[in-house]
Protein backbone atom coordinates (compact mmCIF):
# COMPACT_ATOMS: atom_id res chain seq x y z
CA MET A 1 0.00 0.00 0.00
CA THR A 2 2.56 2.56 -1.17
CA LYS A 3 1.53 5.93 -2.53
CA GLU A 4 3.83 7.69 -4.94
CA SER A 5 5.63 10.72 -3.55
CA SER A 6 4.15 12.86 -6.33
CA LYS A 7 0.80 12.43 -4.62
CA ILE A 8 1.93 14.03 -1.36
CA ALA A 9 -0.63 16.61 -0.31
CA THR A 10 0.26 20.27 -0.74
CA THR A 11 -2.19 22.49 1.10
CA THR A 12 -1.94 25.30 3.62
CA SER A 13 -2.13 22.76 6.45
CA PRO A 14 1.26 21.91 7.99
CA THR A 15 2.90 18.71 6.82
CA ILE A 16 4.06 16.31 9.50
CA GLY A 17 6.72 13.75 8.66
CA ILE A 18 6.55 10.53 10.68
CA VAL A 19 9.44 8.10 10.38
CA GLY A 20 8.43 4.58 11.35
CA GLY A 21 5.14 2.79 10.70
CA GLY A 22 4.97 0.57 13.76
CA MET A 23 2.28 0.81 16.41
CA ALA A 24 3.39 4.29 17.50
CA GLY A 25 4.00 5.82 14.08
CA SER A 26 0.84 4.37 12.53
CA THR A 27 -1.33 5.46 15.46
CA ILE A 28 0.10 9.00 15.41
CA ALA A 29 -0.43 9.20 11.64
CA LEU A 30 -3.98 7.89 12.02
CA ARG A 31 -4.79 10.31 14.84
CA LEU A 32 -3.54 13.36 12.95
CA SER A 33 -4.85 12.42 9.51
CA GLU A 34 -8.33 11.79 10.96
CA LEU A 35 -8.19 15.50 11.89
CA GLY A 36 -7.29 16.39 8.29
CA ILE A 37 -3.64 17.17 9.00
CA ASN A 38 -1.20 16.40 6.18
CA ILE A 39 0.95 13.39 7.04
CA VAL A 40 3.79 11.62 5.29
CA LEU A 41 4.48 8.25 6.92
CA PHE A 42 7.75 6.46 6.11
CA GLU A 43 8.12 2.73 6.79
CA ALA A 44 11.11 0.59 5.80
CA SER A 45 9.11 -2.67 5.69
CA LYS A 46 6.52 -3.59 3.08
CA THR A 47 3.65 -3.47 5.61
CA LEU A 48 2.74 -1.46 8.70
CA VAL A 49 2.83 -2.48 12.38
CA ASN A 50 5.53 -5.13 12.41
CA GLY A 51 7.98 -5.41 15.28
CA PRO A 52 7.70 -6.79 18.82
CA PRO A 53 5.08 -9.51 19.43
CA ILE A 54 2.10 -7.39 20.50
CA CYS A 55 -0.45 -9.65 22.16
CA HIS A 56 -1.72 -7.71 25.20
CA LEU A 57 -3.82 -4.67 25.90
CA HIS A 58 -2.08 -4.31 29.31
CA ALA A 59 -5.18 -2.91 31.02
CA GLY A 60 -3.47 -2.44 34.36
CA GLY A 61 -0.02 -3.89 33.78
CA ASN A 62 -0.81 -6.97 35.83
CA LEU A 63 1.72 -9.08 33.96
CA TYR A 64 4.47 -7.03 35.63
CA ARG A 65 4.51 -7.30 39.39
CA GLU A 66 7.83 -5.39 39.51
CA ILE A 67 6.52 -2.08 38.09
CA SER A 68 5.06 0.77 40.13
CA ASP A 69 1.37 1.19 40.89
CA GLU A 70 1.44 4.51 39.05
CA GLN A 71 2.64 2.82 35.85
CA CYS A 72 -0.18 0.29 36.21
CA LEU A 73 -2.79 3.03 36.63
CA THR A 74 -1.40 4.85 33.58
CA LEU A 75 -1.55 1.67 31.50
CA LEU A 76 -5.16 1.11 32.62
CA ARG A 77 -6.24 4.57 31.47
CA GLN A 78 -4.33 4.28 28.20
CA SER A 79 -5.78 0.83 27.53
CA ILE A 80 -9.33 2.09 27.92
CA ASP A 81 -8.74 4.71 25.22
CA THR A 82 -7.05 2.12 23.01
CA LEU A 83 -10.10 -0.16 23.25
CA LYS A 84 -12.39 2.72 22.37
CA VAL A 85 -10.40 3.56 19.23
CA TYR A 86 -9.39 0.03 18.19
CA PRO A 87 -12.29 -2.15 19.41
CA GLN A 88 -11.95 -4.50 16.43
CA THR A 89 -8.39 -5.43 17.45
CA ALA A 90 -9.15 -6.77 20.96
CA ASN A 91 -9.33 -10.40 21.98
CA ILE A 92 -11.95 -10.38 24.74
CA ARG A 93 -10.78 -12.98 27.19
CA PRO A 94 -9.44 -12.70 30.75
CA THR A 95 -6.01 -13.52 32.13
CA VAL A 96 -5.36 -15.88 35.02
CA ILE A 97 -2.42 -15.23 37.32
CA ALA A 98 -1.02 -18.31 39.06
CA ILE A 99 1.87 -18.22 41.54
CA PRO A 100 3.80 -21.50 41.83
CA THR A 101 4.75 -22.69 45.32
CA ARG A 102 8.43 -22.43 44.32
CA ASP A 103 8.05 -18.68 43.67
CA SER A 104 8.81 -16.13 46.40
CA GLY A 105 5.68 -14.07 45.67
CA SER A 106 2.20 -14.44 47.07
CA PRO A 107 -1.33 -13.66 45.88
CA ASP A 108 -1.86 -11.42 48.90
CA ALA A 109 0.93 -9.12 47.70
CA LEU A 110 -0.97 -8.49 44.43
CA LEU A 111 -4.31 -7.61 46.00
CA PRO A 112 -3.64 -3.96 47.05
CA ARG A 113 -2.67 -3.04 43.48
CA LEU A 114 -5.64 -4.90 42.01
CA GLN A 115 -7.95 -3.06 44.37
CA LYS A 116 -6.45 0.29 43.32
CA LEU A 117 -6.97 -0.60 39.68
CA GLN A 118 -10.53 -1.73 40.29
CA ASP A 119 -11.31 1.48 42.18
CA GLU A 120 -9.77 3.60 39.41
CA TYR A 121 -11.74 1.74 36.76
CA ALA A 122 -14.97 2.28 38.73
CA THR A 123 -14.14 6.00 39.04
CA LEU A 124 -13.48 6.30 35.30
CA ILE A 125 -16.83 4.65 34.52
CA LYS A 126 -18.58 7.00 36.92
CA GLN A 127 -16.93 9.98 35.19
CA ASN A 128 -17.88 8.68 31.74
CA PRO A 129 -19.97 5.54 31.18
CA SER A 130 -18.28 5.00 27.80
CA ASN A 131 -15.16 3.98 29.74
CA ASN A 132 -16.90 0.72 30.59
CA VAL A 133 -14.95 -1.36 28.07
CA LEU A 134 -13.52 -4.06 30.35
CA GLY A 135 -16.79 -5.35 31.75
CA ALA A 136 -18.34 -4.36 35.05
CA ALA A 137 -15.94 -2.75 37.51
CA GLU A 138 -16.80 -5.29 40.20
CA ASP A 139 -15.61 -8.03 37.81
CA TYR A 140 -12.26 -6.39 37.02
CA PHE A 141 -10.66 -9.16 39.07
CA ARG A 142 -11.92 -12.22 40.85
CA LEU A 143 -10.29 -14.64 43.29
CA TYR A 144 -10.63 -18.43 43.07
CA ASP A 145 -9.81 -20.43 46.20
CA ARG A 146 -9.35 -24.18 46.41
CA GLU A 147 -13.00 -24.90 47.12
CA SER A 148 -14.26 -22.92 44.14
CA LEU A 149 -11.60 -24.38 41.83
CA GLU A 150 -12.36 -27.95 42.89
CA ALA A 151 -16.06 -27.30 42.22
CA LEU A 152 -15.28 -25.92 38.75
CA ALA A 153 -13.06 -28.93 38.03
CA GLN A 154 -16.14 -31.14 38.23
CA LYS A 155 -17.93 -29.27 35.46
CA GLU A 156 -17.76 -29.98 31.74
CA ILE A 157 -15.65 -27.63 29.66
CA PRO A 158 -18.04 -25.50 27.57
CA LYS A 159 -17.32 -25.04 23.89
CA SER A 160 -17.79 -21.31 24.33
CA ALA A 161 -17.05 -19.40 27.54
CA GLU A 162 -20.05 -17.27 28.57
CA SER A 163 -18.99 -16.31 32.10
CA LEU A 164 -15.84 -15.75 34.14
CA ASP A 165 -16.33 -19.17 35.74
CA ASP A 166 -16.52 -20.75 32.28
CA TRP A 167 -13.06 -19.37 31.45
CA MET A 168 -11.68 -20.90 34.65
CA ILE A 169 -13.01 -24.43 34.08
CA PRO A 170 -10.16 -25.71 31.83
CA VAL A 171 -7.62 -24.17 34.21
CA ALA A 172 -9.23 -25.78 37.26
CA LYS A 173 -9.44 -29.18 35.54
CA THR A 174 -5.79 -29.14 34.39
CA LEU A 175 -3.64 -27.51 37.07
CA ASN A 176 -2.36 -29.44 40.08
CA LEU A 177 -3.55 -27.04 42.80
CA ASP A 178 -0.95 -28.38 45.25
CA GLU A 179 1.73 -26.75 43.10
CA PHE A 180 0.30 -23.23 43.52
CA LYS A 181 -0.25 -20.62 46.16
CA LEU A 182 -3.96 -19.96 46.25
CA PRO A 183 -6.12 -18.16 45.37
CA LEU A 184 -5.67 -17.97 41.62
CA ILE A 185 -6.51 -14.52 40.28
CA LEU A 186 -8.60 -13.83 37.18
CA VAL A 187 -8.23 -10.27 35.82
CA GLN A 188 -9.65 -8.48 32.79
CA GLU A 189 -6.36 -8.23 30.91
CA TYR A 190 -7.50 -8.62 27.31
CA GLY A 191 -5.44 -9.52 24.28
CA LEU A 192 -4.56 -7.50 21.18
CA SER A 193 -4.08 -8.84 17.66
CA ILE A 194 -1.08 -7.29 15.94
CA PHE A 195 -2.53 -8.47 12.62
CA ARG A 196 -5.88 -6.74 13.12
CA ILE A 197 -4.09 -3.58 14.26
CA ALA A 198 -2.00 -3.62 11.08
CA SER A 199 -5.12 -4.31 9.03
CA THR A 200 -7.11 -1.51 10.69
CA VAL A 201 -4.54 1.22 10.09
CA SER A 202 -3.86 0.04 6.53
CA LEU A 203 -7.55 0.09 5.58
CA ALA A 204 -8.06 3.48 7.22
CA PHE A 205 -5.12 5.06 5.38
CA GLU A 206 -6.59 3.93 2.07
CA GLN A 207 -9.50 6.29 2.77
CA LEU A 208 -7.64 9.15 4.45
CA THR A 209 -6.43 11.37 1.63
CA SER A 210 -4.44 13.61 3.99
CA CYS A 211 -2.02 10.74 4.76
CA THR A 212 0.62 9.53 2.32
CA VAL A 213 2.09 6.16 3.25
CA LEU A 214 5.51 5.30 1.80
CA THR A 215 6.28 1.66 2.60
CA ASN A 216 9.47 -0.08 1.47
CA THR A 217 11.05 3.31 2.06
CA ARG A 218 14.18 4.07 4.06
CA VAL A 219 14.97 7.52 5.47
CA THR A 220 18.63 8.19 4.71
CA ASP A 221 19.12 11.65 6.22
CA ILE A 222 17.36 14.44 8.08
CA GLN A 223 18.44 18.08 8.20
CA GLN A 224 16.84 21.17 9.65
CA ARG A 225 15.70 23.53 6.93
CA GLN A 226 17.74 26.65 6.33
CA ASP A 227 15.07 28.89 4.85
CA LYS A 228 12.29 28.31 7.41
CA PRO A 229 11.48 26.15 10.44
CA GLY A 230 11.08 22.47 9.70
CA TRP A 231 13.02 19.55 8.29
CA ASP A 232 14.25 18.18 5.01
CA ILE A 233 13.86 14.40 4.88
CA GLU A 234 15.93 12.44 2.38
CA TYR A 235 14.54 9.00 1.58
CA GLN A 236 14.83 6.14 -0.85
CA SER A 237 12.09 3.73 -1.92
CA ALA A 238 13.25 0.30 -3.12
CA ASP A 239 15.70 0.77 -6.03
CA ASN A 240 14.51 4.27 -6.92
CA PRO A 241 16.80 7.31 -6.75
CA LYS A 242 16.92 9.22 -3.48
CA GLU A 243 14.29 11.91 -3.05
CA SER A 244 13.62 14.56 -0.43
CA ILE A 245 10.64 16.35 1.03
CA ALA A 246 10.28 19.32 3.37
CA VAL A 247 8.05 18.92 6.41
CA ASP A 248 6.99 21.39 9.07
CA TYR A 249 7.42 18.95 11.96
CA LEU A 250 9.29 15.67 12.37
CA VAL A 251 8.19 12.71 14.49
CA ASN A 252 10.73 10.00 15.19
CA ALA A 253 8.73 6.78 15.60
CA CYS A 254 11.49 4.39 14.61
CA GLY A 255 10.97 1.99 17.52
CA TYR A 256 14.20 0.24 18.47
CA ARG A 257 15.97 2.27 15.75
CA THR A 258 14.91 5.62 17.30
CA GLY A 259 18.55 6.40 18.09
CA THR A 260 19.55 6.26 14.41
CA LEU A 261 17.48 9.38 13.68
CA ASP A 262 18.82 11.07 16.83
CA ASP A 263 22.35 10.37 15.62
CA MET A 264 21.64 11.91 12.20
CA HIS A 265 21.14 15.26 13.87
CA GLY A 266 23.38 14.83 16.92
CA PHE A 267 20.65 14.57 19.56
CA GLN A 268 21.72 12.85 22.77
CA ARG A 269 19.31 10.45 24.45
CA ASN A 270 19.78 7.62 26.94
CA ARG A 271 17.84 4.51 26.04
CA MET A 272 17.98 0.75 26.02
CA VAL A 273 16.93 -1.80 23.45
CA GLU A 274 15.86 -5.34 24.30
CA PHE A 275 15.39 -8.18 21.83
CA LYS A 276 12.53 -10.57 22.66
CA ALA A 277 10.72 -13.41 20.97
CA ALA A 278 7.48 -15.35 21.45
CA TYR A 279 6.73 -18.74 19.94
CA VAL A 280 3.70 -19.93 17.99
CA THR A 281 2.39 -23.41 18.80
CA HIS A 282 -0.58 -25.65 18.10
CA TRP A 283 -2.15 -27.81 20.81
CA SER A 284 -4.29 -30.32 18.94
CA ASP A 285 -5.78 -31.77 22.15
CA CYS A 286 -6.96 -28.38 23.45
CA GLN A 287 -10.49 -28.48 24.80
CA GLY A 288 -12.76 -25.43 25.03
CA GLN A 289 -11.66 -21.83 25.24
CA TRP A 290 -8.69 -21.06 27.42
CA PRO A 291 -7.96 -17.75 29.11
CA GLU A 292 -4.48 -16.37 29.02
CA VAL A 293 -2.49 -17.90 31.88
CA ILE A 294 0.52 -16.28 33.56
CA PHE A 295 2.72 -18.42 35.83
CA HIS A 296 4.85 -16.05 37.86
CA GLY A 297 8.58 -16.58 38.15
CA GLU A 298 11.82 -14.66 38.58
CA ARG A 299 12.80 -13.03 35.30
CA GLY A 300 16.03 -14.25 33.73
CA THR A 301 16.25 -17.44 35.78
CA PRO A 302 15.31 -20.96 34.65
CA ASP A 303 12.09 -20.43 36.65
CA GLY A 304 11.15 -17.22 34.80
CA MET A 305 7.52 -16.35 34.12
CA ALA A 306 5.65 -18.64 31.73
CA GLN A 307 2.89 -17.17 29.60
CA LEU A 308 0.22 -18.96 27.57
CA THR A 309 -1.69 -16.66 25.16
CA PRO A 310 -4.70 -18.27 23.43
CA TYR A 311 -5.96 -17.86 19.88
CA PRO A 312 -8.72 -19.75 18.02
CA ASP A 313 -8.48 -23.41 16.95
CA GLY A 314 -5.91 -24.53 19.51
CA TYR A 315 -3.16 -22.03 18.61
CA PHE A 316 -1.12 -20.46 21.40
CA GLN A 317 1.63 -17.88 21.64
CA LEU A 318 4.21 -18.65 24.33
CA HIS A 319 6.58 -16.49 26.35
CA GLY A 320 9.08 -17.76 28.86
CA MET A 321 11.17 -15.19 30.68
CA THR A 322 14.37 -17.22 30.52
CA GLU A 323 17.42 -16.79 28.30
CA GLU A 324 16.55 -20.03 26.50
CA ILE A 325 13.12 -18.81 25.41
CA THR A 326 11.95 -15.17 25.25
CA LEU A 327 15.05 -13.46 26.63
CA PHE A 328 18.51 -13.68 25.10
CA LYS A 329 22.03 -13.41 26.46
CA GLU A 330 23.32 -9.95 25.49
CA GLY A 331 19.82 -9.13 24.26
CA LEU A 332 19.57 -5.97 26.40
CA VAL A 333 21.89 -3.16 25.32
CA ALA A 334 22.20 0.56 26.12
CA SER A 335 23.14 3.74 24.27
CA THR A 336 26.57 5.31 24.79
CA ALA A 337 28.05 8.78 24.96
CA LYS A 338 28.97 8.39 21.28
CA SER A 339 25.60 7.23 19.99
CA ALA A 340 21.96 7.44 21.00
CA GLN A 341 21.40 4.09 19.24
CA PRO A 342 22.01 0.95 21.34
CA MET A 343 23.83 -1.61 19.21
CA LEU A 344 22.67 -5.23 19.18
CA ASN A 345 25.20 -7.76 17.94
CA SER A 346 25.06 -9.48 14.56
CA LEU A 347 23.09 -12.46 15.94
CA PHE A 348 20.11 -10.22 16.64
CA ASN A 349 20.50 -8.19 13.48
CA ARG A 350 20.18 -11.46 11.53
CA LYS A 351 17.02 -12.39 13.40
CA LEU A 352 15.54 -8.92 12.95
CA THR A 353 15.80 -9.30 9.19
CA ASP A 354 13.62 -12.44 9.54
CA LYS A 355 16.43 -14.92 8.99
CA TRP A 356 15.88 -17.40 11.80
CA TYR A 357 17.48 -20.80 11.33
CA ARG A 358 15.07 -23.72 11.47
CA ASP A 359 16.93 -25.44 14.30
CA GLU A 360 16.69 -22.23 16.36
CA ILE A 361 12.94 -22.14 15.89
CA GLU A 362 12.54 -25.82 16.79
CA ARG A 363 14.84 -25.62 19.82
CA ARG A 364 13.43 -22.48 21.39
CA THR A 365 9.81 -23.41 20.69
CA ALA A 366 10.40 -26.83 22.30
CA LYS A 367 11.86 -25.07 25.36
CA ALA A 368 8.79 -22.82 25.51
CA VAL A 369 6.43 -25.79 25.31
CA GLU A 370 8.40 -27.59 28.03
CA HIS A 371 8.29 -24.46 30.21
CA VAL A 372 4.49 -24.25 30.03
CA ALA A 373 4.03 -28.02 30.33
CA GLN A 374 5.57 -27.89 33.83
CA PHE A 375 2.20 -26.53 34.91
CA ILE A 376 -0.10 -27.83 32.15
CA PRO A 377 1.23 -31.36 31.46
CA PRO A 378 -1.08 -32.11 28.49
CA PHE A 379 0.40 -29.07 26.72
CA GLY A 380 3.60 -31.05 26.27
CA ASN A 381 2.12 -32.40 23.03
CA ALA A 382 2.00 -28.92 21.44
CA THR A 383 3.97 -28.47 18.21
CA VAL A 384 5.65 -25.67 16.29
CA ALA A 385 3.01 -23.81 14.26
CA GLY A 386 4.83 -20.89 12.67
CA ASN A 387 7.76 -18.53 12.80
CA PRO A 388 8.52 -16.82 16.11
CA MET A 389 6.98 -13.42 16.68
CA PHE A 390 9.93 -11.24 17.57
CA GLY A 391 11.35 -7.77 17.68
CA ALA A 392 13.46 -5.31 19.59
CA GLN A 393 11.78 -3.06 22.14
CA GLN A 394 13.09 0.37 23.03
CA ILE A 395 13.05 1.52 26.66
CA PRO A 396 13.84 5.21 27.24
CA GLY A 397 16.16 6.01 30.14
CA ASP A 398 18.02 3.44 32.19
CA ASP A 399 15.27 1.49 33.98
CA PRO A 400 14.72 -1.85 32.19
CA SER A 401 11.44 -2.38 34.08
CA LEU A 402 9.82 0.78 32.62
CA ARG A 403 6.58 -0.06 30.81
CA ALA A 404 4.49 3.15 30.77
CA ALA A 405 6.40 5.58 28.54
CA ASP A 406 5.22 7.83 25.74
CA VAL A 407 6.92 10.86 24.15
CA SER A 408 9.82 13.29 24.45
CA PHE A 409 10.58 16.50 22.58
CA ASP A 410 13.99 17.86 21.55
CA GLY A 411 15.43 20.70 19.50
CA ASP A 412 13.14 22.56 17.13
CA ARG A 413 9.99 20.80 15.92
CA TYR A 414 11.17 17.28 16.75
CA ALA A 415 9.32 14.63 18.75
CA ARG A 416 10.20 11.08 19.69
CA ALA A 417 7.58 8.39 20.20
CA GLU A 418 9.06 6.23 22.92
CA ILE A 419 6.33 3.76 23.76
CA VAL A 420 7.13 0.44 25.38
CA LYS A 421 3.57 -0.92 25.28
CA ALA A 422 1.10 -0.57 22.42
CA SER A 423 -1.57 0.99 24.62
CA SER A 424 0.62 4.10 25.11
CA ALA A 425 0.54 5.08 21.42
CA LEU A 426 -2.61 7.24 21.62
CA THR A 427 -1.11 9.23 24.50
CA VAL A 428 1.84 10.09 22.26
CA ALA A 429 -0.45 11.20 19.45
CA THR A 430 -2.49 13.48 21.73
CA ALA A 431 0.67 15.01 23.23
CA ILE A 432 1.98 15.78 19.74
CA ILE A 433 -1.31 17.47 18.80
CA GLU A 434 -1.03 19.65 21.90
CA LYS A 435 2.58 20.48 21.04
CA LEU A 436 1.60 21.46 17.48
CA ARG A 437 -1.06 23.77 18.91
CA ASP A 438 1.42 25.30 21.36
CA GLU A 439 3.79 26.02 18.48
CA HIS A 440 0.91 27.54 16.45
CA LEU A 441 1.14 24.91 13.72
CA LEU A 442 -2.47 23.99 14.40
CA PRO A 443 -5.29 26.47 15.09
CA ALA A 444 -6.00 27.10 18.75
CA GLU A 445 -9.70 26.47 18.14
CA LEU A 446 -8.98 22.88 17.12
CA SER A 447 -10.52 21.05 20.03
CA ILE A 448 -9.82 17.42 20.89
CA ALA A 449 -11.15 17.58 24.43
CA ASP A 450 -14.84 18.17 23.83
CA SER A 451 -15.65 14.85 22.19
CA GLU A 452 -15.13 11.17 22.87
CA ILE A 453 -11.76 9.85 21.69
CA ASN A 454 -13.42 7.32 19.38
CA GLU A 455 -15.55 10.06 17.81
CA GLN A 456 -12.32 11.66 16.60
CA PHE A 457 -11.70 8.57 14.43
CA PRO A 458 -14.76 8.53 12.13
CA VAL A 459 -13.04 6.70 9.28
CA THR A 460 -11.44 4.09 11.54
CA SER A 461 -14.65 3.53 13.49
CA ALA A 462 -16.62 2.84 10.31
CA LEU A 463 -14.34 0.06 9.04
CA PRO A 464 -16.25 -3.23 8.62
CA ILE A 465 -14.96 -5.99 10.89
CA ASP A 466 -15.11 -8.57 8.09
CA LYS A 467 -12.72 -6.50 5.96
CA ILE A 468 -10.40 -6.01 8.94
CA ILE A 469 -10.28 -9.76 9.60
CA SER A 470 -9.83 -10.62 5.92
CA LEU A 471 -6.82 -8.34 5.49
CA ALA A 472 -5.45 -9.43 8.89
CA GLU A 473 -5.52 -13.06 7.76
CA HIS A 474 -3.67 -12.09 4.58
CA LEU A 475 -1.02 -10.27 6.64
CA ALA A 476 -0.64 -13.28 8.93
CA GLU A 477 -0.03 -15.55 5.95
CA GLU A 478 2.43 -13.05 4.51
CA ARG A 479 4.37 -13.10 7.79
CA SER A 480 4.35 -16.92 7.97
CA SER A 481 1.92 -17.07 10.88
CA PRO A 482 -1.28 -19.14 11.19
CA THR A 483 -4.37 -17.21 10.09
CA ALA A 484 -5.96 -18.17 13.42
CA LEU A 485 -3.79 -15.50 15.06
CA ALA A 486 -5.65 -12.88 13.01
CA ARG A 487 -9.13 -13.98 14.09
CA PRO A 488 -10.98 -12.68 17.18
CA VAL A 489 -11.09 -14.45 20.53
CA GLY A 490 -14.14 -14.05 22.77
């Protein structure tokens, strides 16, 4: 879906250049172009929203017991807005948190945070009923003790889960409760489909004439304009000669490559980059609909967290927070005084260009299956079902546990999107709109506060779900993933 550069809009509206068409860049472009602002979006890959294996909404950050309560509350608020704008991309199923007896944590330690999140969610619904996108506030989380789990274990697994208890039945029937600290916790942490996100933004851009999307296009240089404020962007599409375009404002949304654009203009910025991978499996003996299940563990050790993310038809995405599965030795690197771009070694650069060796895929997927099967023994029969879902994640600053991050501004008319989680992308877009108004690039009367966030996306909101799913399935096939990963859950 590449538009020729000759079709770039030329009106009195400012032109915003956005480098990087991942979750952040595509969402910013969508947000601004829905307002009629001229956008030129550059993406080096052939399609939009590639990169790290997005699979969670993170409505409260409950997968991360090590992060602050404030980050969790921020992620909750951001996730609500994300669901309102991208409702077609959500997989509506809960997440179960289980703490093994070998782990040092306890369910009681998680309850104060969960109560804060539940109270905040109830407050947000009271302020605006449209914020009720995660179910009733009183059901934001639920505890299951031994008695209730043993009762559920006696029930038949329904083909389709209609209640919170229904989601818990396969868990109760499969887990050895003696191996866990009870209660188990069910929380409304939904899933996100990276393929339906990519499909949604691609279909919307086809209708938004104010946005020019240049895929298969690499930005080779940026320079501040000499004659007026703004930037000259030099770029090259495929084998074509280099071209350039002047823009009034530049947004760096390059993801893990954000430092490369900083280096082009000499901006200093401390950041880290971490390479991660998740593994796609098929469990042919799967019965009923499973929730996501998180088995807590100490990150980076052989007992690191295990994560089972469900998709239709017995397909599952697996994470294991060990160096043999999701994490990698030397996979976390930092910027230096000489460069704002953290440098991964050649092993990761090979993987990032989608050149995994087959034995790597088999070995790491087998380790992931084994890691989950510790707790769900029947899952040991699961098999490799596709290429890993992988990418490098940027983390601004020097705290590797940071999860709620959004945007920073530097120099003249330059913004960096620095999201760690997909749900933060809309916050970046809104902050950039406010910055453009402050710098008088947008009219002061342009109001984004007087209407619902989803009402500011009329084109996106009107997209038919069948078209979104159809294109998502095509994108999944193109990326060597099962089409089941593109279809809705719940």
